Protein backbone atom coordinates (compact mmCIF):
# COMPACT_ATOMS: atom_id res chain seq x y z
CA MET A 1 -6.52 -33.54 -2.95
CA PRO A 2 -6.07 -29.95 -3.42
CA ALA A 3 -9.13 -27.37 -3.43
CA LYS A 4 -10.80 -26.67 -6.47
CA ARG A 5 -10.93 -23.33 -7.23
CA VAL A 6 -13.95 -21.17 -7.98
CA ARG A 7 -14.62 -17.88 -9.76
CA ALA A 8 -14.57 -14.84 -7.57
CA VAL A 9 -14.91 -11.00 -8.02
CA GLY A 10 -13.46 -9.05 -5.06
CA HIS A 11 -12.55 -5.52 -4.67
CA PRO A 12 -8.43 -5.51 -4.23
CA SER A 13 -8.15 -1.62 -4.09
CA ARG A 14 -10.33 1.34 -4.55
CA GLY A 15 -11.69 1.46 -8.01
CA VAL A 16 -10.73 -1.97 -9.10
CA LEU A 17 -12.81 -5.05 -9.90
CA ARG A 18 -10.75 -8.28 -9.98
CA TYR A 19 -11.99 -11.49 -11.72
CA GLU A 20 -10.36 -14.60 -10.69
CA ASP A 21 -11.01 -18.40 -11.97
CA SER A 22 -9.41 -21.56 -13.11
CA LEU A 23 -9.55 -22.82 -16.41
CA SER A 24 -9.49 -26.30 -14.80
CA ARG A 25 -13.56 -25.59 -14.01
CA GLU A 26 -14.01 -26.88 -17.26
CA ALA A 27 -13.88 -30.23 -18.93
CA GLN A 28 -10.22 -31.11 -19.62
CA ASP A 29 -11.15 -31.23 -23.48
CA SER A 30 -13.27 -28.02 -23.57
CA LYS A 31 -12.67 -25.86 -26.59
CA ASP A 32 -13.91 -22.85 -24.92
CA ALA A 33 -11.26 -23.47 -21.91
CA VAL A 34 -8.27 -24.29 -24.80
CA LEU A 35 -9.33 -20.89 -26.48
CA LEU A 36 -9.73 -18.76 -23.15
CA GLY A 37 -6.45 -19.98 -22.32
CA GLN A 38 -4.72 -18.98 -25.81
CA HIS A 39 -6.42 -15.39 -25.36
CA LEU A 40 -5.23 -14.84 -21.87
CA THR A 41 -1.86 -15.72 -23.04
CA LEU A 42 -1.93 -13.28 -25.78
CA ALA A 43 -3.38 -10.58 -23.39
CA ARG A 44 -0.98 -11.01 -20.70
CA ASP A 45 2.20 -11.22 -22.90
CA GLY A 46 1.30 -8.39 -25.05
CA ALA A 47 -0.04 -6.02 -22.15
CA LEU A 48 -3.01 -5.97 -24.13
CA PRO A 49 -6.67 -4.43 -22.60
CA VAL A 50 -9.46 -7.21 -22.04
CA ARG A 51 -13.24 -6.39 -22.37
CA MET A 52 -15.94 -7.55 -19.36
CA ILE A 53 -18.37 -10.06 -20.90
CA VAL A 54 -20.96 -10.80 -18.47
CA ALA A 55 -23.13 -14.20 -19.32
CA LEU A 56 -26.50 -13.68 -18.73
CA SER A 57 -28.07 -17.06 -17.47
CA SER A 58 -31.70 -18.02 -17.06
CA ASP A 59 -31.23 -20.88 -15.10
CA LEU A 60 -28.18 -20.92 -12.77
CA LYS A 61 -28.44 -24.61 -11.47
CA ARG A 62 -28.18 -25.84 -14.89
CA GLY A 63 -25.75 -23.02 -15.99
CA THR A 64 -27.73 -22.51 -19.32
CA SER A 65 -26.89 -19.06 -21.09
CA ARG A 66 -29.33 -17.11 -22.49
CA GLY A 67 -26.89 -14.26 -23.80
CA TYR A 68 -24.16 -11.87 -23.05
CA HIS A 69 -23.68 -8.43 -22.13
CA VAL A 70 -20.64 -6.42 -22.86
CA ARG A 71 -19.39 -3.72 -20.30
CA PRO A 72 -17.51 -1.21 -22.58
CA ASP A 73 -17.21 1.12 -19.31
CA LEU A 74 -14.44 -1.47 -17.81
CA ILE A 75 -11.10 -1.98 -19.14
CA GLY A 76 -9.21 -5.31 -17.72
CA GLN A 77 -5.59 -6.04 -17.48
CA VAL A 78 -4.38 -9.85 -16.88
CA VAL A 79 -2.64 -9.49 -13.90
CA LYS A 80 -1.91 -13.40 -13.37
CA PHE A 81 -2.01 -16.23 -15.58
CA ASP A 82 -0.39 -19.46 -15.17
CA GLY A 83 -1.97 -21.59 -17.62
CA ASN A 84 -4.59 -22.50 -15.20
CA HIS A 85 -5.41 -19.80 -12.59
CA PHE A 86 -5.79 -16.46 -13.75
CA MET A 87 -7.02 -12.71 -12.35
CA ILE A 88 -8.02 -9.91 -14.38
CA ASP A 89 -8.59 -6.53 -12.75
CA PHE A 90 -10.93 -4.23 -14.50
CA THR A 91 -11.09 -0.30 -13.73
CA ARG A 92 -13.48 2.16 -15.48
CA ALA A 93 -12.54 3.53 -18.77
CA GLU A 94 -11.51 7.23 -18.91
CA LYS A 95 -14.36 9.34 -20.91
CA ALA A 96 -12.52 12.02 -23.01
CA GLY A 97 -14.69 14.89 -20.99
CA ARG A 98 -13.33 13.75 -17.95
CA ALA A 99 -9.57 13.83 -19.11
CA ALA A 100 -10.02 17.25 -20.56
CA ASP A 101 -11.90 18.34 -17.37
CA SER A 102 -8.74 17.18 -15.20
CA ASN A 103 -6.43 19.18 -17.39
CA GLY A 104 -8.38 22.43 -17.13
CA ARG A 105 -9.27 22.32 -20.93
CA ARG A 106 -12.35 21.58 -22.56
């Protein structure tokens, strides 16, 4: 029996935060997993940016969520999605001021 993949966060290179997970962690008939799979496919095929959404949990053992937090400072790109296993690499969004400073203009 193959090992079940679990969600993981890592740093494959400087400035990159990688989120890795599998849709199969959810029940096979899960509407959330189906919808996430559709969105991952659209993002991968269209090279669309992905926002990081962090679920805030009040009870880790029961997995109950008390809300969500959007990380506007992190922009992701789907680097792998095979219909089940996926990886998304997040990097910090460039601020307009930083880009102007690096060009020597204000």
